[in-house]
Amino acid sequence: MVSSIVSAQTVYDAMLFSRHYAGGTARSMGMSGAFGALGGDASVLSTNPAGLAVFRGSEFTFTPALNFVSTDAKYDNNIFSDNSARFILNNVGYIYTKNMYNEKGLKSVNFGFAYNRLSDFNYRAYIKTQNAKSSLLDEFVLFANDAFDYGHELHPFYEELAWYTNAIFIPEDMYEVVNDYILEDRYDQYLHRTMNYKGGIGEYDFSIGLNFNHNLYIGATIGIQDIQFSEYYYHEETPTGFEYLKDFNFRNDYSVSGLGINLKTGIIYRPIPMLRLGAAIHTPTYLRMKPYLLTGMETNWHKSPEDGYTYFYEETESDPTEKYNIKTPWQYIFSAATVIGKLGALNVDVELIDFSQNLVSPQSEYDNINNDISTDLKTVVNVKTGAEVRLGAIYLRGGMAFYGNPFNEFDNDDIDDTLKNTLKGTISYSGGIGFRKRDFYMDAAYSYMEHPERIHLLYELPNAPETTTLQTKSNKILVTFGFRF
């Protein structure tokens, strides 16, 4: 069963798949996603669907984007930098407005469909050293001895591969599992690990909005989320001067795909022409996840430990029918905006999300993981603010967003998650420009996002884990083409 392997991922997965950032059109991104009380943009279908009712006509939008990501890995007193670039579709949307021509009451009914990109997982990192002080084989030894001590089987996706390729073994004159580093009583080997992450969260929104007297707007969205995530790492080591072990490598290819559904409702109220107040509630997203895991190990020897062979290879693949469920938390958004005639607008959004309410099921298999979620994760407050200034047909925009860190503070240095953020949050800055005519508009935006340093677990050791520190920064460029009719 792959569930035991996947369970090691699910605390991190539950957080990752329920954490969204500003997405959608270039106009919205130029203001860091702060549109909860303004409306009138296709991105609001994923945040406050009441903003759909602000549209006065029908529109079509299309937003391609380029995302440039850099990651610094700190290891062995060195910093290793890696960069990647990826083309993505950040938004496509269609809004239809049905005017009711009533003097009072219901002024219009709007229907909308949009695809909005909510999160990106794309980045690469690597580390290397010529003088390693420990080895991945030490973790295999640790896990194998624990398994034998408690009468358990070796894990088929992990230490069992090292056992079958003879990288760990029990010598004739000993009673516990060892490796060549332990027997030689030295390390100082060449160690290299590459890490590659891909994927993202996209949402397909089907929405309706109602406009009452141009001062009360309500809306609802049924959202269908599509999740794709993959994590691949390749680890290799080459010792020097060993009589037997020449080198080994280990690869781990983990991916998960999922579909989910949620409901969003929202309201915008304009008590006076200059002020708009908004609120939205997002139900949990019910996700059906399908994981996949493939691990493999290759060991080469100067002298053969068994049957004359100097090369050993073994791999294990997960059951493709394995699945599990995630229920994400409720989300609450409160917004306020001021519109200063035709000069511009200012909007502030505050989001409340309790990540400890994530739930993985079936609960009978994931009780320990759900306990970890409730302990390790917490409630966060996200704040987005953005402004827009109008200069005739030209619009200038800027914004800033802060996303709170969802992990609780730990009282010790144990690493229980694949990735654990520090206490700092994620911050984003953005700016944009737009050009608008009667039937056509074009917006461009630039968004910079800086994630806090986070501890990445490489492997466990008897006394303390071996880790590296990662910091990721992204630069996204977007262009939206819009047509009114």
Protein backbone atom coordinates (compact mmCIF):
# COMPACT_ATOMS: atom_id res chain seq x y z
CA MET A 1 0.00 0.00 0.00
CA VAL A 2 1.25 3.46 -0.85
CA SER A 3 -0.82 5.13 1.87
CA SER A 4 1.98 4.88 4.42
CA ILE A 5 4.33 6.67 2.04
CA VAL A 6 1.73 9.26 1.08
CA SER A 7 0.91 9.86 4.73
CA ALA A 8 4.37 11.32 5.17
CA GLN A 9 3.35 13.92 2.63
CA THR A 10 -0.18 14.74 3.66
CA VAL A 11 0.48 17.32 6.42
CA TYR A 12 2.42 19.34 3.90
CA ASP A 13 0.00 18.45 1.08
CA ALA A 14 -3.04 19.51 3.11
CA MET A 15 -1.47 22.91 3.71
CA LEU A 16 -0.16 23.26 0.16
CA PHE A 17 -3.46 22.45 -1.54
CA SER A 18 -5.54 24.75 0.67
CA ARG A 19 -3.24 27.77 0.41
CA HIS A 20 -4.00 30.13 -2.48
CA TYR A 21 -2.39 33.34 -3.66
CA ALA A 22 -3.50 36.26 -5.82
CA GLY A 23 -4.32 35.06 -9.32
CA GLY A 24 -6.45 35.77 -12.34
CA THR A 25 -6.19 38.82 -14.57
CA ALA A 26 -3.34 41.31 -14.93
CA ARG A 27 -5.56 44.03 -13.49
CA SER A 28 -6.13 42.01 -10.34
CA MET A 29 -2.50 40.92 -10.08
CA GLY A 30 -1.36 44.53 -10.52
CA MET A 31 -3.25 45.28 -7.31
CA SER A 32 -2.03 42.11 -5.53
CA GLY A 33 -5.47 40.52 -5.78
CA ALA A 34 -7.15 43.20 -3.65
CA PHE A 35 -10.53 43.31 -5.38
CA GLY A 36 -12.98 41.95 -2.82
CA ALA A 37 -15.12 45.12 -2.60
CA LEU A 38 -14.47 46.56 -6.05
CA GLY A 39 -15.61 43.77 -8.36
CA GLY A 40 -15.93 44.15 -12.09
CA ASP A 41 -13.03 41.78 -12.86
CA ALA A 42 -13.04 38.09 -13.85
CA SER A 43 -10.68 37.19 -11.00
CA VAL A 44 -13.38 37.94 -8.39
CA LEU A 45 -15.28 34.79 -9.38
CA SER A 46 -12.67 32.92 -7.32
CA THR A 47 -12.70 35.34 -4.37
CA ASN A 48 -15.91 37.37 -3.93
CA PRO A 49 -18.47 36.39 -6.60
CA ALA A 50 -20.61 39.42 -5.72
CA GLY A 51 -18.11 41.35 -7.81
CA LEU A 52 -19.60 39.65 -10.88
CA ALA A 53 -22.77 41.72 -10.41
CA VAL A 54 -20.75 44.94 -10.80
CA PHE A 55 -20.27 44.29 -14.52
CA ARG A 56 -22.48 46.52 -16.68
CA GLY A 57 -21.90 44.58 -19.92
CA SER A 58 -20.51 41.37 -21.35
CA GLU A 59 -16.77 40.70 -21.53
CA PHE A 60 -14.17 38.11 -22.52
CA THR A 61 -10.67 38.02 -21.01
CA PHE A 62 -7.54 36.03 -21.72
CA THR A 63 -4.36 36.21 -19.59
CA PRO A 64 -1.11 34.42 -20.47
CA ALA A 65 1.80 34.73 -18.06
CA LEU A 66 5.48 33.94 -17.62
CA ASN A 67 6.71 32.89 -14.19
CA PHE A 68 10.42 33.16 -13.38
CA VAL A 69 11.45 31.40 -10.17
CA SER A 70 14.80 31.41 -8.37
CA THR A 71 15.70 29.25 -5.37
CA ASP A 72 18.71 29.54 -3.07
CA ALA A 73 19.76 26.44 -1.13
CA LYS A 74 22.11 26.88 1.83
CA TYR A 75 24.21 23.82 2.61
CA ASP A 76 27.72 23.14 3.90
CA ASN A 77 28.40 26.90 4.25
CA ASN A 78 27.61 27.47 0.58
CA ILE A 79 24.67 28.89 -1.34
CA PHE A 80 23.49 27.11 -4.50
CA SER A 81 21.18 29.06 -6.80
CA ASP A 82 18.90 27.60 -9.45
CA ASN A 83 16.42 29.26 -11.81
CA SER A 84 13.46 28.13 -13.85
CA ALA A 85 10.89 29.73 -16.14
CA ARG A 86 7.46 28.49 -17.13
CA PHE A 87 4.62 29.71 -19.35
CA ILE A 88 1.19 29.42 -17.73
CA LEU A 89 -2.39 30.40 -18.44
CA ASN A 90 -3.34 32.62 -15.53
CA ASN A 91 -6.91 33.43 -16.55
CA VAL A 92 -9.58 33.04 -19.19
CA GLY A 93 -13.11 34.29 -18.54
CA TYR A 94 -16.44 35.13 -20.08
CA ILE A 95 -19.07 37.39 -18.47
CA TYR A 96 -22.63 37.71 -19.77
CA THR A 97 -24.85 40.54 -18.51
CA LYS A 98 -28.63 40.41 -18.75
CA ASN A 99 -30.05 43.89 -18.12
CA MET A 100 -33.51 43.84 -16.52
CA TYR A 101 -34.40 47.50 -17.31
CA ASN A 102 -36.18 47.92 -13.99
CA GLU A 103 -36.37 51.38 -12.47
CA LYS A 104 -35.90 49.90 -9.00
CA GLY A 105 -34.95 46.56 -7.56
CA LEU A 106 -33.11 44.03 -9.67
CA LYS A 107 -31.10 45.90 -12.29
CA SER A 108 -29.20 43.04 -13.91
CA VAL A 109 -28.38 39.35 -13.70
CA ASN A 110 -24.85 38.33 -14.62
CA PHE A 111 -23.52 34.92 -15.48
CA GLY A 112 -19.83 34.18 -15.56
CA PHE A 113 -17.33 31.45 -16.31
CA ALA A 114 -13.63 31.80 -15.54
CA TYR A 115 -10.51 29.78 -15.13
CA ASN A 116 -8.16 31.36 -12.59
CA ARG A 117 -4.73 30.14 -11.54
CA LEU A 118 -4.63 30.09 -7.73
CA SER A 119 -1.18 28.73 -6.95
CA ASP A 120 2.09 27.64 -8.58
CA PHE A 121 4.47 24.95 -7.32
CA ASN A 122 7.24 25.29 -9.90
CA TYR A 123 10.82 25.61 -8.70
CA ARG A 124 14.16 23.78 -8.77
CA ALA A 125 16.99 23.51 -6.27
CA TYR A 126 20.21 21.59 -5.74
CA ILE A 127 23.00 21.09 -3.23
CA LYS A 128 26.43 19.47 -3.41
CA THR A 129 29.56 19.05 -1.34
CA GLN A 130 32.93 17.34 -1.70
CA ASN A 131 33.21 16.72 2.05
CA ALA A 132 29.93 15.32 3.34
CA LYS A 133 29.75 14.55 7.05
CA SER A 134 26.92 12.02 6.82
CA SER A 135 25.13 9.86 4.26
CA LEU A 136 21.65 8.92 3.09
CA LEU A 137 22.74 5.36 3.86
CA ASP A 138 22.78 6.33 7.54
CA GLU A 139 19.04 6.93 7.38
CA PHE A 140 18.51 3.59 5.65
CA VAL A 141 20.50 1.92 8.45
CA LEU A 142 18.51 3.78 11.11
CA PHE A 143 15.15 2.75 9.64
CA ALA A 144 16.24 -0.84 8.96
CA ASN A 145 17.48 -1.42 12.52
CA ASP A 146 14.27 0.08 13.92
CA ALA A 147 12.21 -2.22 11.69
CA PHE A 148 14.12 -5.35 12.71
CA ASP A 149 14.08 -4.38 16.40
CA TYR A 150 10.27 -4.12 16.37
CA GLY A 151 9.67 -7.09 14.07
CA HIS A 152 8.48 -4.96 11.14
CA GLU A 153 9.20 -5.37 7.47
CA LEU A 154 11.53 -3.01 5.64
CA HIS A 155 9.79 -0.22 3.77
CA PRO A 156 9.49 -1.30 0.12
CA PHE A 157 9.88 2.27 -1.20
CA TYR A 158 12.87 3.19 0.90
CA GLU A 159 15.32 1.17 3.04
CA GLU A 160 14.33 -2.12 1.40
CA LEU A 161 15.85 -0.82 -1.86
CA ALA A 162 19.16 -0.22 -0.06
CA TRP A 163 18.95 -3.73 1.39
CA TYR A 164 18.32 -5.38 -1.98
CA THR A 165 21.18 -3.44 -3.61
CA ASN A 166 23.48 -4.39 -0.69
CA ALA A 167 24.12 -0.75 0.24
CA ILE A 168 23.12 -1.72 3.79
CA PHE A 169 23.76 -5.19 5.24
CA ILE A 170 24.47 -7.24 8.36
CA PRO A 171 28.07 -8.53 8.46
CA GLU A 172 28.70 -12.09 9.65
CA ASP A 173 30.37 -10.95 12.87
CA MET A 174 27.74 -8.32 13.74
CA TYR A 175 24.09 -8.26 14.84
CA GLU A 176 22.84 -5.01 13.37
CA VAL A 177 22.52 -3.33 10.00
CA VAL A 178 25.49 -1.19 8.89
CA ASN A 179 26.89 0.45 5.75
CA ASP A 180 30.38 0.94 4.39
CA TYR A 181 30.66 4.44 5.91
CA ILE A 182 30.14 2.94 9.35
CA LEU A 183 32.64 0.14 8.72
CA GLU A 184 35.24 2.53 7.30
CA ASP A 185 34.47 5.03 10.11
CA ARG A 186 34.75 8.04 7.77
CA TYR A 187 32.78 10.09 5.28
CA ASP A 188 34.15 13.10 3.30
CA GLN A 189 32.40 11.80 0.18
CA TYR A 190 31.02 13.69 -2.79
CA LEU A 191 27.27 14.27 -2.27
CA HIS A 192 24.86 15.81 -4.76
CA ARG A 193 21.08 16.19 -4.66
CA THR A 194 18.78 17.82 -7.20
CA MET A 195 15.15 18.70 -6.43
CA ASN A 196 12.45 19.60 -8.94
CA TYR A 197 8.89 20.67 -8.14
CA LYS A 198 6.14 21.23 -10.69
CA GLY A 199 2.40 21.90 -10.85
CA GLY A 200 -0.22 24.27 -9.56
CA ILE A 201 -3.86 24.80 -8.63
CA GLY A 202 -6.37 26.03 -11.17
CA GLU A 203 -10.06 26.67 -10.58
CA TYR A 204 -12.97 26.61 -13.00
CA ASP A 205 -15.69 28.94 -11.71
CA PHE A 206 -19.36 28.94 -12.67
CA SER A 207 -20.99 32.03 -11.18
CA ILE A 208 -24.12 34.14 -10.95
CA GLY A 209 -24.40 37.73 -9.72
CA LEU A 210 -27.41 39.95 -8.95
CA ASN A 211 -27.35 43.76 -8.99
CA PHE A 212 -29.96 45.54 -6.86
CA ASN A 213 -30.25 49.31 -7.41
CA HIS A 214 -26.51 49.59 -8.12
CA ASN A 215 -25.77 49.58 -4.40
CA LEU A 216 -26.29 45.95 -3.34
CA TYR A 217 -24.56 43.12 -5.15
CA ILE A 218 -24.72 39.43 -4.29
CA GLY A 219 -23.18 36.45 -6.01
CA ALA A 220 -22.37 32.76 -5.81
CA THR A 221 -19.78 30.51 -7.43
CA ILE A 222 -19.44 26.77 -7.83
CA GLY A 223 -15.70 26.15 -8.12
CA ILE A 224 -14.07 23.07 -9.60
CA GLN A 225 -10.41 22.83 -8.61
CA ASP A 226 -7.77 20.97 -10.58
CA ILE A 227 -4.56 20.13 -8.70
CA GLN A 228 -1.32 18.85 -10.20
CA PHE A 229 1.79 18.46 -8.05
CA SER A 230 5.03 16.54 -8.55
CA GLU A 231 8.16 16.32 -6.44
CA TYR A 232 11.26 14.65 -7.81
CA TYR A 233 14.68 14.34 -6.26
CA TYR A 234 17.86 12.53 -7.27
CA HIS A 235 20.53 11.81 -4.67
CA GLU A 236 24.01 10.50 -5.42
CA GLU A 237 27.16 9.88 -3.38
CA THR A 238 30.70 8.88 -4.36
CA PRO A 239 33.09 7.96 -1.53
CA THR A 240 36.84 8.05 -2.05
CA GLY A 241 39.29 5.31 -1.12
CA PHE A 242 36.74 2.69 -0.09
CA GLU A 243 37.73 -0.90 -0.75
CA TYR A 244 34.21 -2.03 -1.66
CA LEU A 245 31.61 0.72 -2.22
CA LYS A 246 32.18 2.72 -5.41
CA ASP A 247 29.04 4.92 -5.53
CA PHE A 248 25.25 4.85 -5.26
CA ASN A 249 22.25 6.91 -6.26
CA PHE A 250 18.64 7.05 -5.11
CA ARG A 251 15.67 8.69 -6.88
CA ASN A 252 12.22 9.53 -5.57
CA ASP A 253 9.41 10.51 -7.94
CA TYR A 254 6.24 11.49 -6.08
CA SER A 255 3.22 13.10 -7.71
CA VAL A 256 -0.42 13.67 -6.88
CA SER A 257 -3.36 14.87 -8.94
CA GLY A 258 -6.77 15.82 -7.67
CA LEU A 259 -10.18 17.28 -8.38
CA GLY A 260 -12.33 19.16 -5.91
CA ILE A 261 -15.51 21.16 -5.59
CA ASN A 262 -16.50 24.12 -3.42
CA LEU A 263 -19.11 26.85 -3.07
CA LYS A 264 -18.44 30.55 -2.64
CA THR A 265 -20.95 33.24 -1.75
CA GLY A 266 -20.42 36.97 -1.41
CA ILE A 267 -21.95 40.38 -0.96
CA ILE A 268 -20.93 43.96 -1.76
CA TYR A 269 -22.81 46.92 -0.30
CA ARG A 270 -22.36 50.55 -1.33
CA PRO A 271 -23.83 52.76 1.44
CA ILE A 272 -22.51 55.94 -0.22
CA PRO A 273 -21.04 56.39 -3.72
CA MET A 274 -17.44 56.56 -2.45
CA LEU A 275 -17.55 53.50 -0.17
CA ARG A 276 -17.98 49.79 -0.86
CA LEU A 277 -18.01 47.05 1.75
CA GLY A 278 -17.64 43.38 0.85
CA ALA A 279 -17.67 39.96 2.48
CA ALA A 280 -17.36 36.43 1.16
CA ILE A 281 -17.47 32.90 2.56
CA HIS A 282 -15.80 29.90 0.90
CA THR A 283 -16.91 26.44 1.92
CA PRO A 284 -14.27 23.72 2.25
CA THR A 285 -13.04 22.25 -1.00
CA TYR A 286 -13.62 18.51 -1.09
CA LEU A 287 -10.65 17.04 -2.95
CA ARG A 288 -10.24 13.53 -4.31
CA MET A 289 -6.50 12.87 -4.58
CA LYS A 290 -4.67 10.24 -6.61
CA PRO A 291 -1.00 9.80 -5.60
CA TYR A 292 1.82 8.05 -7.41
CA LEU A 293 5.24 7.08 -6.13
CA LEU A 294 8.24 5.53 -7.86
CA THR A 295 11.56 5.03 -6.10
CA GLY A 296 14.71 3.42 -7.40
CA MET A 297 18.26 2.79 -6.22
CA GLU A 298 21.50 1.85 -7.94
CA THR A 299 24.67 0.71 -6.14
CA ASN A 300 28.08 0.13 -7.73
CA TRP A 301 31.02 -1.69 -6.14
CA HIS A 302 34.78 -1.93 -6.64
CA LYS A 303 34.59 -5.49 -5.27
CA SER A 304 31.43 -7.51 -5.29
CA PRO A 305 29.66 -8.14 -1.98
CA GLU A 306 27.57 -10.94 -3.50
CA ASP A 307 27.69 -13.51 -6.34
CA GLY A 308 30.37 -11.71 -8.33
CA TYR A 309 28.12 -8.77 -9.34
CA THR A 310 29.41 -5.20 -8.96
CA TYR A 311 26.19 -3.47 -10.06
CA PHE A 312 22.81 -3.66 -8.34
CA TYR A 313 19.56 -1.87 -9.19
CA GLU A 314 16.09 -2.05 -7.65
CA GLU A 315 12.91 0.05 -7.95
CA THR A 316 9.38 0.03 -6.52
CA GLU A 317 6.19 1.52 -7.98
CA SER A 318 3.00 2.37 -6.07
CA ASP A 319 -0.45 0.96 -6.66
CA PRO A 320 -2.09 3.22 -9.29
CA THR A 321 -5.53 2.70 -7.73
CA GLU A 322 -4.58 4.22 -4.36
CA LYS A 323 -6.58 7.36 -3.49
CA TYR A 324 -7.36 9.57 -0.50
CA ASN A 325 -9.44 12.68 0.28
CA ILE A 326 -8.68 16.14 1.66
CA LYS A 327 -11.21 18.59 3.04
CA THR A 328 -9.77 22.11 3.15
CA PRO A 329 -10.79 24.77 5.74
CA TRP A 330 -13.52 27.37 5.54
CA GLN A 331 -12.34 30.75 4.34
CA TYR A 332 -13.69 34.20 5.28
CA ILE A 333 -12.91 37.41 3.41
CA PHE A 334 -13.74 40.96 4.51
CA SER A 335 -13.15 43.90 2.18
CA ALA A 336 -13.45 47.66 2.01
CA ALA A 337 -12.89 49.95 -0.96
CA THR A 338 -13.20 53.58 -1.85
CA VAL A 339 -13.88 54.79 -5.37
CA ILE A 340 -12.98 58.41 -6.00
CA GLY A 341 -15.10 59.28 -8.99
CA LYS A 342 -13.17 58.59 -12.18
CA LEU A 343 -9.82 59.30 -10.55
CA GLY A 344 -9.12 55.91 -9.03
CA ALA A 345 -9.83 53.35 -6.32
CA LEU A 346 -8.31 51.77 -3.22
CA ASN A 347 -9.17 48.31 -1.85
CA VAL A 348 -8.17 46.28 1.23
CA ASP A 349 -8.95 42.58 1.72
CA VAL A 350 -8.50 40.59 4.95
CA GLU A 351 -8.71 36.79 4.79
CA LEU A 352 -9.09 34.37 7.71
CA ILE A 353 -8.19 30.68 7.24
CA ASP A 354 -7.74 28.02 9.93
CA PHE A 355 -5.38 25.49 8.33
CA SER A 356 -5.62 23.18 11.36
CA GLN A 357 -9.14 22.31 10.13
CA ASN A 358 -7.75 20.43 7.14
CA LEU A 359 -8.93 16.82 7.22
CA VAL A 360 -7.51 13.79 5.42
CA SER A 361 -9.68 10.72 4.97
CA PRO A 362 -10.49 7.90 5.33
CA GLN A 363 -9.89 8.93 8.92
CA SER A 364 -9.30 5.35 10.06
CA GLU A 365 -6.09 5.33 7.99
CA TYR A 366 -5.03 8.93 8.65
CA ASP A 367 -5.73 9.52 12.35
CA ASN A 368 -2.07 10.25 13.08
CA ILE A 369 -1.83 12.65 10.16
CA ASN A 370 -4.97 14.53 11.20
CA ASN A 371 -3.56 14.83 14.71
CA ASP A 372 -0.37 16.28 13.24
CA ILE A 373 -2.41 18.72 11.13
CA SER A 374 -4.33 19.98 14.14
CA THR A 375 -1.07 20.39 16.08
CA ASP A 376 1.30 21.70 13.41
CA LEU A 377 -0.99 24.09 11.52
CA LYS A 378 -2.80 27.20 12.71
CA THR A 379 -5.09 30.09 11.76
CA VAL A 380 -3.60 32.75 9.52
CA VAL A 381 -4.57 36.28 8.54
CA ASN A 382 -3.80 37.33 4.97
CA VAL A 383 -3.92 41.02 4.04
CA LYS A 384 -4.03 42.40 0.50
CA THR A 385 -4.12 46.04 -0.47
CA GLY A 386 -4.15 47.63 -3.90
CA ALA A 387 -4.73 50.96 -5.62
CA GLU A 388 -5.62 52.10 -9.12
CA VAL A 389 -5.20 55.59 -10.59
CA ARG A 390 -6.88 56.64 -13.81
CA LEU A 391 -5.14 59.00 -16.26
CA GLY A 392 -7.62 59.21 -19.11
CA ALA A 393 -7.42 55.95 -21.04
CA ILE A 394 -4.36 54.88 -19.02
CA TYR A 395 -4.57 53.14 -15.62
CA LEU A 396 -1.70 52.78 -13.15
CA ARG A 397 -1.86 50.13 -10.41
CA GLY A 398 0.10 48.92 -7.44
CA GLY A 399 -0.37 46.60 -4.50
CA MET A 400 1.08 44.56 -1.68
CA ALA A 401 -0.03 41.29 -0.06
CA PHE A 402 1.02 39.44 3.08
CA TYR A 403 0.21 35.76 3.58
CA GLY A 404 0.59 34.50 7.14
CA ASN A 405 2.70 31.45 7.92
CA PRO A 406 0.40 28.43 8.50
CA PHE A 407 2.86 26.44 10.67
CA ASN A 408 2.94 26.61 14.44
CA GLU A 409 6.18 27.33 16.24
CA PHE A 410 8.02 24.20 17.30
CA ASP A 411 9.75 23.88 20.66
CA ASN A 412 12.52 21.65 19.27
CA ASP A 413 14.47 21.05 16.11
CA ASP A 414 12.62 17.91 14.99
CA ILE A 415 11.48 18.10 11.39
CA ASP A 416 8.11 16.37 11.08
CA ASP A 417 7.13 17.80 7.70
CA THR A 418 8.72 17.56 4.28
CA LEU A 419 8.96 21.35 4.29
CA LYS A 420 8.54 23.52 7.37
CA ASN A 421 8.31 27.27 7.06
CA THR A 422 9.84 29.61 9.57
CA LEU A 423 7.59 31.96 11.51
CA LYS A 424 7.76 34.53 8.74
CA GLY A 425 5.00 34.87 6.19
CA THR A 426 5.07 35.28 2.42
CA ILE A 427 5.06 38.78 0.99
CA SER A 428 4.22 39.98 -2.49
CA TYR A 429 4.58 43.32 -4.30
CA SER A 430 3.01 44.15 -7.63
CA GLY A 431 2.45 46.89 -10.16
CA GLY A 432 0.67 47.29 -13.44
CA ILE A 433 -0.55 49.47 -16.25
CA GLY A 434 -3.69 49.31 -18.35
CA PHE A 435 -5.12 50.82 -21.49
CA ARG A 436 -8.89 50.92 -21.99
CA LYS A 437 -11.14 51.93 -24.85
CA ARG A 438 -14.81 51.33 -25.39
CA ASP A 439 -14.67 47.76 -26.73
CA PHE A 440 -11.12 46.66 -25.96
CA TYR A 441 -8.63 46.85 -23.13
CA MET A 442 -5.18 45.53 -22.39
CA ASP A 443 -3.56 45.26 -18.97
CA ALA A 444 -0.01 44.31 -18.01
CA ALA A 445 1.26 43.48 -14.54
CA TYR A 446 4.41 42.45 -12.73
CA SER A 447 4.31 40.53 -9.44
CA TYR A 448 7.22 39.75 -7.13
CA MET A 449 6.71 37.15 -4.39
CA GLU A 450 9.23 36.24 -1.72
CA HIS A 451 8.71 33.13 0.38
CA PRO A 452 10.44 32.88 3.76
CA GLU A 453 13.40 30.61 4.31
CA ARG A 454 12.25 27.11 5.07
CA ILE A 455 13.97 24.02 6.37
CA HIS A 456 14.02 21.11 3.93
CA LEU A 457 14.64 17.63 5.33
CA LEU A 458 17.27 15.68 3.40
CA TYR A 459 17.40 12.58 5.60
CA GLU A 460 17.14 11.49 9.20
CA LEU A 461 20.15 10.71 11.38
CA PRO A 462 20.32 9.08 14.83
CA ASN A 463 20.94 12.37 16.64
CA ALA A 464 19.69 15.15 14.36
CA PRO A 465 18.25 15.40 10.85
CA GLU A 466 20.35 16.49 7.89
CA THR A 467 18.73 19.56 6.36
CA THR A 468 19.18 22.35 3.89
CA THR A 469 17.59 25.81 3.96
CA LEU A 470 15.65 26.91 0.89
CA GLN A 471 14.38 30.32 -0.12
CA THR A 472 12.25 30.84 -3.22
CA LYS A 473 11.46 34.07 -5.05
CA SER A 474 9.21 34.41 -8.07
CA ASN A 475 8.76 37.10 -10.71
CA LYS A 476 5.58 36.87 -12.76
CA ILE A 477 4.72 38.91 -15.85
CA LEU A 478 1.13 38.91 -17.11
CA VAL A 479 -0.82 40.46 -19.96
CA THR A 480 -4.62 40.47 -20.16
CA PHE A 481 -6.52 41.02 -23.40
CA GLY A 482 -10.15 42.02 -22.83
CA PHE A 483 -13.06 42.48 -25.21
CA ARG A 484 -16.41 44.12 -24.39
CA PHE A 485 -19.58 43.53 -26.32
